[in-house]
């Protein structure tokens, strides 16, 4: 029942991760690399070379900055051309955001996605729910670094004891915990064992609603 709720975007508000994963898998194929959907999900949000390096090392590739930049640009191109128009919010999300706003809760959107991608996938009317929107291109270091959540906290002048973060991937949870914030993990893309650093784990958006609005799982 905290005053400030900070939401991740992909896999939390938007049912988008399968499409992001498809775009990454297709991009990597151009470089003769094979990845599974779960491998992509496990590295969601960690879209800088430093934090994503382990993904490539597991395939025997030591990526250069030039290689990673090419792969990232190709993924964005594939995503925008083939999948962006398929993205929708999870069905429960519009009502959840409306209810939270009626309760005078203050909401922030904190995502590793760029402003460019946000414009493609996030309904314009949803912007009205959020006091603050932090995209990956607005911080020096994306998730799993704490910078995105620290920036949202500072923008809202929110005491950390009054903030709840909702995340669905390890990088996001590490970012929230690094910022000293309470974090709920939701199993939209990964099993609970991959979200074990979260303070609480919920199975779906109904459980999340009960927890955010009523303090009950």
N, C-alpha and C. Protein backbone atom coordinates (compact mmCIF):
# COMPACT_ATOMS: atom_id res chain seq x y z
N UNK A 1 0.84 -1.21 0.00
CA UNK A 1 0.00 0.00 0.00
C UNK A 1 0.87 1.25 0.00
N UNK A 2 1.96 1.25 -0.75
CA UNK A 2 2.87 2.39 -0.78
C UNK A 2 2.36 3.46 -1.74
N UNK A 3 2.79 4.69 -1.51
CA UNK A 3 2.26 5.81 -2.27
C UNK A 3 2.75 5.83 -3.71
N UNK A 4 4.01 5.41 -3.94
CA UNK A 4 4.63 5.50 -5.26
C UNK A 4 4.79 4.09 -5.85
N UNK A 5 4.32 3.91 -7.08
CA UNK A 5 4.46 2.64 -7.78
C UNK A 5 5.26 2.87 -9.05
N UNK A 6 6.39 2.19 -9.18
CA UNK A 6 7.24 2.30 -10.37
C UNK A 6 7.09 1.02 -11.19
N UNK A 7 6.62 1.16 -12.43
CA UNK A 7 6.40 0.02 -13.30
C UNK A 7 7.47 -0.09 -14.38
N UNK A 8 7.95 -1.31 -14.60
CA UNK A 8 8.67 -1.63 -15.82
C UNK A 8 7.63 -1.66 -16.95
N UNK A 9 8.11 -1.67 -18.19
CA UNK A 9 7.19 -1.64 -19.34
C UNK A 9 6.96 -3.02 -19.94
N UNK A 10 7.99 -3.55 -20.60
CA UNK A 10 7.85 -4.81 -21.35
C UNK A 10 7.73 -5.99 -20.39
N UNK A 11 6.67 -6.76 -20.56
CA UNK A 11 6.45 -7.91 -19.71
C UNK A 11 5.73 -7.59 -18.41
N UNK A 12 5.53 -6.29 -18.13
CA UNK A 12 4.78 -5.87 -16.94
C UNK A 12 3.49 -5.15 -17.35
N UNK A 13 3.63 -4.09 -18.12
CA UNK A 13 2.45 -3.39 -18.63
C UNK A 13 2.06 -3.86 -20.02
N UNK A 14 3.06 -4.14 -20.85
CA UNK A 14 2.81 -4.57 -22.22
C UNK A 14 3.15 -6.05 -22.40
N UNK A 15 2.28 -6.74 -23.11
CA UNK A 15 2.55 -8.15 -23.46
C UNK A 15 3.42 -8.16 -24.71
N UNK A 16 4.66 -7.76 -24.54
CA UNK A 16 5.54 -7.47 -25.67
C UNK A 16 6.79 -8.34 -25.75
N UNK A 17 7.14 -9.00 -24.65
CA UNK A 17 8.43 -9.69 -24.63
C UNK A 17 8.57 -10.80 -25.68
N UNK A 18 7.52 -11.59 -25.98
CA UNK A 18 7.69 -12.58 -27.04
C UNK A 18 8.09 -11.95 -28.38
N UNK A 19 7.61 -10.74 -28.64
CA UNK A 19 7.93 -10.07 -29.91
C UNK A 19 9.34 -9.48 -29.89
N UNK A 20 9.74 -8.92 -28.75
CA UNK A 20 11.12 -8.45 -28.63
C UNK A 20 12.08 -9.64 -28.80
N UNK A 21 11.72 -10.77 -28.19
CA UNK A 21 12.58 -11.95 -28.29
C UNK A 21 12.68 -12.44 -29.74
N UNK A 22 11.55 -12.46 -30.45
CA UNK A 22 11.58 -12.87 -31.85
C UNK A 22 12.50 -11.97 -32.66
N UNK A 23 12.45 -10.66 -32.40
CA UNK A 23 13.30 -9.72 -33.14
C UNK A 23 14.77 -9.95 -32.82
N UNK A 24 15.10 -10.20 -31.55
CA UNK A 24 16.49 -10.49 -31.19
C UNK A 24 16.95 -11.78 -31.84
N UNK A 25 16.12 -12.82 -31.81
CA UNK A 25 16.50 -14.11 -32.39
C UNK A 25 16.77 -13.97 -33.89
N UNK A 26 15.91 -13.22 -34.59
CA UNK A 26 16.11 -12.99 -36.02
C UNK A 26 17.37 -12.17 -36.29
N UNK A 27 17.61 -11.17 -35.44
CA UNK A 27 18.81 -10.34 -35.61
C UNK A 27 20.07 -11.17 -35.41
N UNK A 28 20.08 -11.99 -34.36
CA UNK A 28 21.26 -12.80 -34.08
C UNK A 28 21.52 -13.83 -35.17
N UNK A 29 20.45 -14.31 -35.81
CA UNK A 29 20.63 -15.27 -36.90
C UNK A 29 21.45 -14.68 -38.03
N UNK A 30 21.33 -13.36 -38.24
CA UNK A 30 22.11 -12.69 -39.27
C UNK A 30 23.61 -12.76 -38.97
N UNK A 31 23.92 -13.01 -37.69
CA UNK A 31 25.33 -13.14 -37.28
C UNK A 31 25.67 -14.60 -36.98
N UNK A 32 24.81 -15.50 -37.45
CA UNK A 32 25.01 -16.95 -37.28
C UNK A 32 25.03 -17.37 -35.81
N UNK A 33 24.18 -16.73 -35.01
CA UNK A 33 24.06 -17.08 -33.60
C UNK A 33 22.64 -17.54 -33.32
N UNK A 34 22.52 -18.63 -32.56
CA UNK A 34 21.21 -19.19 -32.21
C UNK A 34 20.94 -18.97 -30.73
N UNK A 35 19.79 -18.35 -30.42
CA UNK A 35 19.39 -18.15 -29.04
C UNK A 35 17.95 -18.61 -28.85
N UNK A 36 17.63 -19.06 -27.64
CA UNK A 36 16.26 -19.44 -27.32
C UNK A 36 15.51 -18.24 -26.75
N UNK A 37 14.20 -18.35 -26.72
CA UNK A 37 13.37 -17.29 -26.15
C UNK A 37 13.72 -17.07 -24.68
N UNK A 38 13.91 -18.15 -23.92
CA UNK A 38 14.22 -17.99 -22.49
C UNK A 38 15.55 -17.28 -22.28
N UNK A 39 16.54 -17.56 -23.11
CA UNK A 39 17.83 -16.86 -22.99
C UNK A 39 17.64 -15.36 -23.16
N UNK A 40 16.78 -14.98 -24.09
CA UNK A 40 16.51 -13.56 -24.30
C UNK A 40 15.76 -12.98 -23.10
N UNK A 41 14.76 -13.70 -22.61
CA UNK A 41 13.99 -13.24 -21.45
C UNK A 41 14.89 -13.01 -20.23
N UNK A 42 15.86 -13.90 -20.03
CA UNK A 42 16.74 -13.80 -18.87
C UNK A 42 17.62 -12.55 -18.92
N UNK A 43 17.85 -12.02 -20.12
CA UNK A 43 18.68 -10.83 -20.27
C UNK A 43 17.85 -9.59 -20.63
N UNK A 44 16.54 -9.69 -20.46
CA UNK A 44 15.68 -8.54 -20.77
C UNK A 44 16.11 -7.32 -19.97
N UNK A 45 16.16 -6.19 -20.64
CA UNK A 45 16.52 -4.94 -19.98
C UNK A 45 18.00 -4.68 -19.93
N UNK A 46 18.80 -5.75 -20.03
CA UNK A 46 20.26 -5.59 -20.01
C UNK A 46 20.73 -5.41 -21.45
N UNK A 47 20.52 -4.23 -22.01
CA UNK A 47 20.76 -4.03 -23.44
C UNK A 47 21.94 -3.09 -23.69
N UNK A 48 22.94 -3.18 -22.82
CA UNK A 48 24.22 -2.54 -23.07
C UNK A 48 25.28 -3.65 -23.10
N UNK A 49 26.37 -3.40 -23.79
CA UNK A 49 27.38 -4.44 -23.98
C UNK A 49 27.88 -5.00 -22.66
N UNK A 50 28.13 -4.11 -21.70
CA UNK A 50 28.68 -4.56 -20.42
C UNK A 50 27.78 -5.58 -19.75
N UNK A 51 26.46 -5.31 -19.74
CA UNK A 51 25.52 -6.19 -19.02
C UNK A 51 25.06 -7.37 -19.86
N UNK A 52 25.17 -7.28 -21.18
CA UNK A 52 24.72 -8.38 -22.06
C UNK A 52 25.85 -9.28 -22.51
N UNK A 53 27.07 -8.97 -22.12
CA UNK A 53 28.24 -9.68 -22.64
C UNK A 53 28.17 -11.18 -22.37
N UNK A 54 27.67 -11.55 -21.18
CA UNK A 54 27.59 -12.96 -20.82
C UNK A 54 26.74 -13.77 -21.78
N UNK A 55 25.72 -13.14 -22.35
CA UNK A 55 24.85 -13.82 -23.31
C UNK A 55 25.65 -14.30 -24.51
N UNK A 56 26.59 -13.48 -24.98
CA UNK A 56 27.41 -13.84 -26.15
C UNK A 56 28.54 -14.79 -25.77
N UNK A 57 29.13 -14.56 -24.60
CA UNK A 57 30.21 -15.44 -24.17
C UNK A 57 29.73 -16.88 -24.04
N UNK A 58 28.45 -17.05 -23.68
CA UNK A 58 27.90 -18.41 -23.55
C UNK A 58 27.85 -19.13 -24.89
N UNK A 59 27.94 -18.37 -25.98
CA UNK A 59 27.94 -18.94 -27.33
C UNK A 59 29.34 -18.95 -27.94
N UNK A 60 30.34 -18.63 -27.12
CA UNK A 60 31.71 -18.63 -27.62
C UNK A 60 32.10 -17.39 -28.40
N UNK A 61 31.33 -16.30 -28.23
CA UNK A 61 31.61 -15.05 -28.95
C UNK A 61 31.96 -13.96 -27.95
N UNK A 62 33.09 -13.30 -28.16
CA UNK A 62 33.47 -12.16 -27.33
C UNK A 62 33.14 -10.89 -28.12
N UNK A 63 32.00 -10.27 -27.84
CA UNK A 63 31.50 -9.20 -28.72
C UNK A 63 32.29 -7.90 -28.58
N UNK A 64 32.53 -7.27 -29.70
CA UNK A 64 33.12 -5.93 -29.71
C UNK A 64 31.99 -4.90 -29.62
N UNK A 65 32.30 -3.68 -29.23
CA UNK A 65 31.26 -2.63 -29.23
C UNK A 65 30.62 -2.46 -30.61
N UNK A 66 31.42 -2.59 -31.67
CA UNK A 66 30.90 -2.43 -33.03
C UNK A 66 29.90 -3.55 -33.36
N UNK A 67 30.25 -4.77 -32.98
CA UNK A 67 29.35 -5.91 -33.21
C UNK A 67 28.03 -5.71 -32.47
N UNK A 68 28.13 -5.33 -31.20
CA UNK A 68 26.91 -5.17 -30.40
C UNK A 68 26.05 -4.05 -30.94
N UNK A 69 26.66 -2.95 -31.36
CA UNK A 69 25.92 -1.83 -31.92
C UNK A 69 25.17 -2.24 -33.18
N UNK A 70 25.82 -3.02 -34.03
CA UNK A 70 25.16 -3.50 -35.26
C UNK A 70 23.98 -4.41 -34.93
N UNK A 71 24.19 -5.33 -33.98
CA UNK A 71 23.12 -6.26 -33.60
C UNK A 71 21.94 -5.50 -33.00
N UNK A 72 22.22 -4.51 -32.15
CA UNK A 72 21.17 -3.74 -31.48
C UNK A 72 20.36 -2.94 -32.50
N UNK A 73 21.04 -2.31 -33.44
CA UNK A 73 20.35 -1.53 -34.47
C UNK A 73 19.50 -2.43 -35.36
N UNK A 74 20.02 -3.61 -35.68
CA UNK A 74 19.26 -4.55 -36.51
C UNK A 74 18.03 -5.05 -35.76
N UNK A 75 18.18 -5.34 -34.47
CA UNK A 75 17.03 -5.79 -33.68
C UNK A 75 15.93 -4.73 -33.67
N UNK A 76 16.30 -3.46 -33.45
CA UNK A 76 15.30 -2.38 -33.44
C UNK A 76 14.59 -2.27 -34.78
N UNK A 77 15.35 -2.41 -35.86
CA UNK A 77 14.76 -2.33 -37.20
C UNK A 77 13.77 -3.47 -37.43
N UNK A 78 14.17 -4.69 -37.08
CA UNK A 78 13.29 -5.85 -37.25
C UNK A 78 12.04 -5.69 -36.39
N UNK A 79 12.23 -5.25 -35.14
CA UNK A 79 11.10 -5.09 -34.23
C UNK A 79 10.10 -4.06 -34.76
N UNK A 80 10.60 -2.90 -35.17
CA UNK A 80 9.71 -1.84 -35.64
C UNK A 80 8.97 -2.24 -36.91
N UNK A 81 9.65 -2.93 -37.82
CA UNK A 81 9.04 -3.27 -39.11
C UNK A 81 8.09 -4.45 -39.02
N UNK A 82 8.31 -5.37 -38.09
CA UNK A 82 7.54 -6.62 -38.08
C UNK A 82 6.64 -6.84 -36.87
N UNK A 83 6.99 -6.21 -35.73
CA UNK A 83 6.29 -6.60 -34.50
C UNK A 83 5.68 -5.46 -33.70
N UNK A 84 6.15 -4.24 -33.88
CA UNK A 84 5.69 -3.14 -33.03
C UNK A 84 4.17 -2.96 -33.07
N UNK A 85 3.58 -3.16 -34.23
CA UNK A 85 2.12 -2.96 -34.36
C UNK A 85 1.30 -4.09 -33.74
N UNK A 86 1.97 -5.12 -33.24
CA UNK A 86 1.26 -6.24 -32.60
C UNK A 86 1.19 -6.08 -31.08
N UNK A 87 1.90 -5.11 -30.53
CA UNK A 87 2.02 -4.98 -29.08
C UNK A 87 0.73 -4.41 -28.48
N UNK A 88 0.30 -5.05 -27.39
CA UNK A 88 -0.89 -4.60 -26.66
C UNK A 88 -0.61 -4.65 -25.15
N UNK A 89 -1.29 -3.82 -24.37
CA UNK A 89 -1.19 -3.96 -22.91
C UNK A 89 -1.79 -5.29 -22.47
N UNK A 90 -1.31 -5.81 -21.35
CA UNK A 90 -2.00 -6.95 -20.75
C UNK A 90 -3.43 -6.52 -20.44
N UNK A 91 -4.41 -7.41 -20.57
CA UNK A 91 -5.82 -7.02 -20.44
C UNK A 91 -6.16 -6.31 -19.13
N UNK A 92 -5.49 -6.70 -18.04
CA UNK A 92 -5.83 -6.13 -16.73
C UNK A 92 -5.21 -4.75 -16.49
N UNK A 93 -4.26 -4.36 -17.32
CA UNK A 93 -3.46 -3.17 -17.04
C UNK A 93 -4.26 -1.87 -17.06
N UNK A 94 -5.11 -1.59 -18.06
CA UNK A 94 -5.83 -0.30 -18.05
C UNK A 94 -6.63 -0.07 -16.78
N UNK A 95 -7.37 -1.07 -16.33
CA UNK A 95 -8.16 -0.91 -15.11
C UNK A 95 -7.28 -0.75 -13.88
N UNK A 96 -6.16 -1.49 -13.84
CA UNK A 96 -5.25 -1.37 -12.70
C UNK A 96 -4.69 0.04 -12.59
N UNK A 97 -4.23 0.59 -13.70
CA UNK A 97 -3.69 1.94 -13.68
C UNK A 97 -4.76 2.96 -13.28
N UNK A 98 -5.97 2.77 -13.79
CA UNK A 98 -7.07 3.68 -13.45
C UNK A 98 -7.38 3.64 -11.96
N UNK A 99 -7.42 2.43 -11.41
CA UNK A 99 -7.72 2.28 -9.98
C UNK A 99 -6.63 2.91 -9.12
N UNK A 100 -5.39 2.72 -9.50
CA UNK A 100 -4.29 3.30 -8.73
C UNK A 100 -4.35 4.83 -8.76
N UNK A 101 -4.68 5.39 -9.91
CA UNK A 101 -4.79 6.84 -10.00
C UNK A 101 -5.97 7.36 -9.19
N UNK A 102 -7.06 6.62 -9.17
CA UNK A 102 -8.22 7.04 -8.36
C UNK A 102 -7.84 7.08 -6.87
N UNK A 103 -6.91 6.20 -6.49
CA UNK A 103 -6.45 6.19 -5.11
C UNK A 103 -5.36 7.21 -4.83
N UNK A 104 -5.09 8.06 -5.84
CA UNK A 104 -4.09 9.14 -5.69
C UNK A 104 -2.68 8.60 -5.55
N UNK A 105 -2.44 7.40 -6.07
CA UNK A 105 -1.08 6.87 -6.05
C UNK A 105 -0.28 7.55 -7.16
N UNK A 106 0.99 7.73 -6.96
CA UNK A 106 1.86 8.39 -7.93
C UNK A 106 2.66 7.33 -8.69
N UNK A 107 2.55 7.34 -10.02
CA UNK A 107 3.11 6.27 -10.84
C UNK A 107 4.28 6.77 -11.69
N UNK A 108 5.27 5.89 -11.84
CA UNK A 108 6.39 6.17 -12.75
C UNK A 108 6.55 4.97 -13.66
N UNK A 109 6.94 5.23 -14.90
CA UNK A 109 7.28 4.19 -15.87
C UNK A 109 8.79 4.21 -16.04
N UNK A 110 9.44 3.07 -15.81
CA UNK A 110 10.90 2.99 -15.85
C UNK A 110 11.30 1.82 -16.75
N UNK A 111 11.80 2.14 -17.94
CA UNK A 111 12.07 1.11 -18.94
C UNK A 111 13.45 1.29 -19.56
N UNK A 112 14.05 0.18 -19.99
CA UNK A 112 15.31 0.23 -20.72
C UNK A 112 15.09 0.57 -22.19
N UNK A 113 13.85 0.45 -22.66
CA UNK A 113 13.56 0.81 -24.04
C UNK A 113 13.81 2.29 -24.28
N UNK A 114 14.12 2.64 -25.52
CA UNK A 114 14.37 4.02 -25.88
C UNK A 114 13.06 4.78 -26.08
N UNK A 115 13.16 6.10 -26.10
CA UNK A 115 11.98 6.94 -26.38
C UNK A 115 11.41 6.60 -27.75
N UNK A 116 12.29 6.28 -28.69
CA UNK A 116 11.87 5.92 -30.05
C UNK A 116 10.95 4.71 -30.05
N UNK A 117 11.33 3.67 -29.31
CA UNK A 117 10.52 2.45 -29.25
C UNK A 117 9.25 2.70 -28.43
N UNK A 118 9.36 3.49 -27.36
CA UNK A 118 8.19 3.78 -26.54
C UNK A 118 7.08 4.41 -27.38
N UNK A 119 7.43 5.32 -28.25
CA UNK A 119 6.43 5.96 -29.12
C UNK A 119 5.73 4.95 -30.02
N UNK A 120 6.43 3.89 -30.37
CA UNK A 120 5.87 2.89 -31.28
C UNK A 120 4.87 1.97 -30.58
N UNK A 121 5.10 1.68 -29.29
CA UNK A 121 4.35 0.60 -28.65
C UNK A 121 3.44 1.03 -27.51
N UNK A 122 3.67 2.20 -26.93
CA UNK A 122 2.93 2.58 -25.72
C UNK A 122 1.80 3.52 -26.07
N UNK A 123 0.55 3.12 -25.82
CA UNK A 123 -0.59 3.98 -26.18
C UNK A 123 -0.46 5.38 -25.58
N UNK A 124 -0.71 6.39 -26.39
CA UNK A 124 -0.56 7.77 -25.95
C UNK A 124 -1.42 8.08 -24.72
N UNK A 125 -2.61 7.51 -24.67
CA UNK A 125 -3.50 7.80 -23.55
C UNK A 125 -2.95 7.29 -22.22
N UNK A 126 -2.06 6.30 -22.27
CA UNK A 126 -1.48 5.75 -21.05
C UNK A 126 -0.47 6.71 -20.41
N UNK A 127 0.07 7.63 -21.20
CA UNK A 127 1.04 8.57 -20.65
C UNK A 127 0.43 9.39 -19.52
N UNK A 128 -0.87 9.61 -19.57
CA UNK A 128 -1.54 10.43 -18.57
C UNK A 128 -1.54 9.80 -17.19
N UNK A 129 -1.32 8.50 -17.12
CA UNK A 129 -1.29 7.82 -15.82
C UNK A 129 0.00 8.10 -15.05
N UNK A 130 1.05 8.54 -15.74
CA UNK A 130 2.38 8.58 -15.14
C UNK A 130 2.87 10.00 -14.90
N UNK A 131 3.34 10.23 -13.69
CA UNK A 131 3.97 11.51 -13.36
C UNK A 131 5.35 11.60 -14.01
N UNK A 132 6.02 10.48 -14.12
CA UNK A 132 7.38 10.43 -14.63
C UNK A 132 7.54 9.24 -15.56
N UNK A 133 8.23 9.45 -16.68
CA UNK A 133 8.59 8.35 -17.58
C UNK A 133 10.09 8.42 -17.82
N UNK A 134 10.79 7.34 -17.44
CA UNK A 134 12.24 7.24 -17.61
C UNK A 134 12.52 6.16 -18.65
N UNK A 135 13.10 6.56 -19.79
CA UNK A 135 13.50 5.59 -20.82
C UNK A 135 15.01 5.38 -20.76
N UNK A 136 15.46 4.33 -21.43
CA UNK A 136 16.87 3.96 -21.35
C UNK A 136 17.82 5.00 -21.87
N UNK A 137 17.35 5.83 -22.80
CA UNK A 137 18.22 6.87 -23.36
C UNK A 137 18.26 8.13 -22.50
N UNK A 138 17.60 8.10 -21.34
CA UNK A 138 17.62 9.25 -20.43
C UNK A 138 18.55 9.05 -19.25
N UNK A 139 19.25 7.90 -19.21
CA UNK A 139 20.16 7.62 -18.10
C UNK A 139 21.53 7.23 -18.65
N UNK A 140 22.55 7.41 -17.83
CA UNK A 140 23.90 7.04 -18.25
C UNK A 140 24.05 5.52 -18.34
N UNK A 141 23.41 4.82 -17.39
CA UNK A 141 23.51 3.36 -17.37
C UNK A 141 22.12 2.76 -17.20
N UNK A 142 21.77 1.86 -18.11
CA UNK A 142 20.47 1.18 -18.03
C UNK A 142 20.50 0.09 -16.95
N UNK A 143 19.35 -0.55 -16.76
CA UNK A 143 19.27 -1.73 -15.90
C UNK A 143 20.30 -2.76 -16.40
N UNK A 144 20.97 -3.50 -15.52
CA UNK A 144 20.72 -3.73 -14.09
C UNK A 144 21.31 -2.69 -13.14
N UNK A 145 21.88 -1.61 -13.67
CA UNK A 145 22.38 -0.55 -12.80
C UNK A 145 21.19 0.16 -12.15
N UNK A 146 21.38 0.75 -10.98
CA UNK A 146 20.26 1.39 -10.28
C UNK A 146 19.85 2.75 -10.85
N UNK A 147 20.62 3.28 -11.79
CA UNK A 147 20.40 4.64 -12.29
C UNK A 147 18.95 4.94 -12.69
N UNK A 148 18.27 4.05 -13.46
CA UNK A 148 16.90 4.39 -13.89
C UNK A 148 15.94 4.61 -12.72
N UNK A 149 16.02 3.72 -11.71
CA UNK A 149 15.11 3.86 -10.57
C UNK A 149 15.50 5.01 -9.67
N UNK A 150 16.80 5.28 -9.54
CA UNK A 150 17.23 6.44 -8.76
C UNK A 150 16.75 7.74 -9.40
N UNK A 151 16.79 7.77 -10.74
CA UNK A 151 16.33 8.98 -11.44
C UNK A 151 14.84 9.20 -11.24
N UNK A 152 14.04 8.11 -11.31
CA UNK A 152 12.60 8.24 -11.07
C UNK A 152 12.32 8.67 -9.64
N UNK A 153 13.05 8.10 -8.70
CA UNK A 153 12.89 8.45 -7.29
C UNK A 153 13.18 9.94 -7.07
N UNK A 154 14.27 10.41 -7.67
CA UNK A 154 14.65 11.82 -7.50
C UNK A 154 13.63 12.75 -8.16
N UNK A 155 13.13 12.34 -9.34
CA UNK A 155 12.18 13.18 -10.06
C UNK A 155 10.89 13.38 -9.26
N UNK A 156 10.48 12.34 -8.53
CA UNK A 156 9.25 12.41 -7.75
C UNK A 156 9.49 12.82 -6.30
N UNK A 157 10.76 12.99 -5.94
CA UNK A 157 11.13 13.31 -4.55
C UNK A 157 10.46 12.31 -3.60
N UNK A 158 10.55 11.05 -3.97
CA UNK A 158 9.86 10.00 -3.23
C UNK A 158 10.79 9.34 -2.22
N UNK A 159 10.37 9.21 -0.97
CA UNK A 159 11.17 8.47 0.01
C UNK A 159 11.16 6.99 -0.36
N UNK A 160 12.30 6.34 -0.27
CA UNK A 160 12.39 4.96 -0.74
C UNK A 160 11.45 4.02 0.02
N UNK A 161 11.11 4.38 1.25
CA UNK A 161 10.20 3.53 2.04
C UNK A 161 8.78 3.55 1.47
N UNK A 162 8.49 4.51 0.60
CA UNK A 162 7.14 4.64 0.04
C UNK A 162 7.07 4.21 -1.42
N UNK A 163 8.07 3.47 -1.89
CA UNK A 163 8.11 3.07 -3.30
C UNK A 163 8.01 1.55 -3.43
N UNK A 164 7.17 1.12 -4.37
CA UNK A 164 7.11 -0.28 -4.80
C UNK A 164 7.45 -0.33 -6.29
N UNK A 165 8.33 -1.23 -6.66
CA UNK A 165 8.70 -1.46 -8.06
C UNK A 165 8.08 -2.77 -8.53
N UNK A 166 7.60 -2.80 -9.78
CA UNK A 166 7.07 -4.04 -10.37
C UNK A 166 7.94 -4.40 -11.57
N UNK A 167 8.54 -5.59 -11.52
CA UNK A 167 9.48 -6.04 -12.56
C UNK A 167 9.20 -7.49 -12.93
N UNK A 168 9.72 -7.89 -14.09
CA UNK A 168 9.52 -9.27 -14.54
C UNK A 168 10.81 -9.96 -14.96
N UNK A 169 11.96 -9.32 -14.76
CA UNK A 169 13.22 -9.89 -15.23
C UNK A 169 14.35 -9.58 -14.25
N UNK A 170 15.38 -10.43 -14.25
CA UNK A 170 16.49 -10.25 -13.29
C UNK A 170 17.15 -8.88 -13.35
N UNK A 171 17.40 -8.35 -14.56
CA UNK A 171 18.09 -7.06 -14.67
C UNK A 171 17.29 -5.95 -14.00
N UNK A 172 15.98 -5.97 -14.18
CA UNK A 172 15.13 -4.96 -13.57
C UNK A 172 15.08 -5.08 -12.06
N UNK A 173 15.01 -6.32 -11.58
CA UNK A 173 15.00 -6.53 -10.13
C UNK A 173 16.32 -6.07 -9.51
N UNK A 174 17.44 -6.39 -10.15
CA UNK A 174 18.74 -5.94 -9.67
C UNK A 174 18.81 -4.41 -9.64
N UNK A 175 18.25 -3.78 -10.65
CA UNK A 175 18.23 -2.31 -10.71
C UNK A 175 17.44 -1.74 -9.54
N UNK A 176 16.26 -2.29 -9.29
CA UNK A 176 15.42 -1.80 -8.19
C UNK A 176 16.08 -2.03 -6.84
N UNK A 177 16.62 -3.22 -6.63
CA UNK A 177 17.24 -3.52 -5.34
C UNK A 177 18.51 -2.71 -5.15
N UNK A 178 19.25 -2.46 -6.26
CA UNK A 178 20.43 -1.62 -6.17
C UNK A 178 20.11 -0.20 -5.75
N UNK A 179 18.88 0.23 -6.08
CA UNK A 179 18.42 1.56 -5.67
C UNK A 179 17.80 1.55 -4.27
N UNK A 180 17.79 0.37 -3.64
CA UNK A 180 17.27 0.25 -2.29
C UNK A 180 15.76 0.22 -2.20
N UNK A 181 15.10 -0.26 -3.27
CA UNK A 181 13.63 -0.21 -3.33
C UNK A 181 13.00 -1.58 -3.17
N UNK A 182 11.78 -1.59 -2.64
CA UNK A 182 10.97 -2.80 -2.53
C UNK A 182 10.52 -3.22 -3.92
N UNK A 183 10.65 -4.50 -4.23
CA UNK A 183 10.37 -4.95 -5.60
C UNK A 183 9.47 -6.19 -5.62
N UNK A 184 8.44 -6.12 -6.46
CA UNK A 184 7.56 -7.25 -6.73
C UNK A 184 7.93 -7.83 -8.09
N UNK A 185 8.17 -9.13 -8.14
CA UNK A 185 8.41 -9.81 -9.41
C UNK A 185 7.13 -10.46 -9.90
N UNK A 186 6.84 -10.34 -11.19
CA UNK A 186 5.65 -10.97 -11.77
C UNK A 186 6.09 -11.97 -12.82
N UNK A 187 5.51 -13.16 -12.79
CA UNK A 187 5.98 -14.27 -13.63
C UNK A 187 5.29 -14.30 -14.99
N UNK A 188 5.35 -13.20 -15.71
CA UNK A 188 4.75 -13.17 -17.05
C UNK A 188 5.67 -13.82 -18.09
N UNK A 189 6.98 -13.80 -17.84
CA UNK A 189 7.93 -14.31 -18.83
C UNK A 189 8.87 -15.37 -18.27
N UNK A 190 9.10 -15.36 -16.97
CA UNK A 190 10.07 -16.28 -16.37
C UNK A 190 9.49 -16.95 -15.14
N UNK A 191 10.04 -18.11 -14.81
CA UNK A 191 9.60 -18.85 -13.63
C UNK A 191 10.09 -18.16 -12.35
N UNK A 192 9.43 -18.43 -11.23
CA UNK A 192 9.78 -17.75 -9.97
C UNK A 192 11.25 -17.86 -9.59
N UNK A 193 11.89 -19.00 -9.90
CA UNK A 193 13.29 -19.15 -9.49
C UNK A 193 14.22 -18.12 -10.13
N UNK A 194 13.80 -17.57 -11.27
CA UNK A 194 14.62 -16.55 -11.93
C UNK A 194 14.37 -15.15 -11.36
N UNK A 195 13.35 -15.03 -10.51
CA UNK A 195 12.99 -13.73 -9.93
C UNK A 195 13.24 -13.72 -8.42
N UNK A 196 14.10 -14.60 -7.96
CA UNK A 196 14.25 -14.85 -6.52
C UNK A 196 14.78 -13.66 -5.73
N UNK A 197 15.39 -12.68 -6.39
CA UNK A 197 15.89 -11.51 -5.67
C UNK A 197 14.79 -10.49 -5.36
N UNK A 198 13.61 -10.69 -5.94
CA UNK A 198 12.49 -9.80 -5.63
C UNK A 198 12.01 -10.04 -4.20
N UNK A 199 11.41 -9.03 -3.60
CA UNK A 199 10.90 -9.16 -2.23
C UNK A 199 9.64 -10.01 -2.18
N UNK A 200 8.83 -9.92 -3.22
CA UNK A 200 7.62 -10.74 -3.35
C UNK A 200 7.48 -11.15 -4.81
N UNK A 201 6.84 -12.28 -5.05
CA UNK A 201 6.59 -12.74 -6.42
C UNK A 201 5.10 -13.02 -6.57
N UNK A 202 4.51 -12.51 -7.65
CA UNK A 202 3.10 -12.78 -7.95
C UNK A 202 3.01 -13.54 -9.27
N UNK A 203 1.95 -14.34 -9.39
CA UNK A 203 1.80 -15.21 -10.57
C UNK A 203 1.23 -14.47 -11.77
N UNK A 204 0.41 -13.47 -11.51
CA UNK A 204 -0.30 -12.83 -12.62
C UNK A 204 -0.74 -11.42 -12.20
N UNK A 205 -1.43 -10.75 -13.12
CA UNK A 205 -1.84 -9.37 -12.86
C UNK A 205 -2.98 -9.28 -11.85
N UNK A 206 -3.76 -10.32 -11.70
CA UNK A 206 -4.81 -10.30 -10.69
C UNK A 206 -4.19 -10.29 -9.29
N UNK A 207 -3.18 -11.15 -9.09
CA UNK A 207 -2.47 -11.14 -7.80
C UNK A 207 -1.79 -9.79 -7.58
N UNK A 208 -1.22 -9.24 -8.65
CA UNK A 208 -0.56 -7.93 -8.54
C UNK A 208 -1.57 -6.87 -8.13
N UNK A 209 -2.74 -6.87 -8.75
CA UNK A 209 -3.79 -5.89 -8.39
C UNK A 209 -4.16 -6.01 -6.92
N UNK A 210 -4.39 -7.24 -6.46
CA UNK A 210 -4.77 -7.44 -5.06
C UNK A 210 -3.69 -6.91 -4.12
N UNK A 211 -2.45 -7.11 -4.49
CA UNK A 211 -1.34 -6.69 -3.64
C UNK A 211 -1.20 -5.17 -3.62
N UNK A 212 -1.28 -4.55 -4.80
CA UNK A 212 -1.10 -3.09 -4.87
C UNK A 212 -2.26 -2.33 -4.30
N UNK A 213 -3.48 -2.86 -4.45
CA UNK A 213 -4.66 -2.13 -3.99
C UNK A 213 -5.11 -2.52 -2.60
N UNK A 214 -4.88 -3.78 -2.23
CA UNK A 214 -5.41 -4.26 -0.95
C UNK A 214 -4.33 -4.74 0.02
N UNK A 215 -3.10 -4.81 -0.47
CA UNK A 215 -2.02 -5.31 0.38
C UNK A 215 -2.05 -6.80 0.59
N UNK A 216 -2.79 -7.53 -0.29
CA UNK A 216 -2.92 -8.98 -0.13
C UNK A 216 -2.56 -9.70 -1.42
N UNK A 217 -1.87 -10.83 -1.30
CA UNK A 217 -1.60 -11.66 -2.46
C UNK A 217 -2.82 -12.54 -2.72
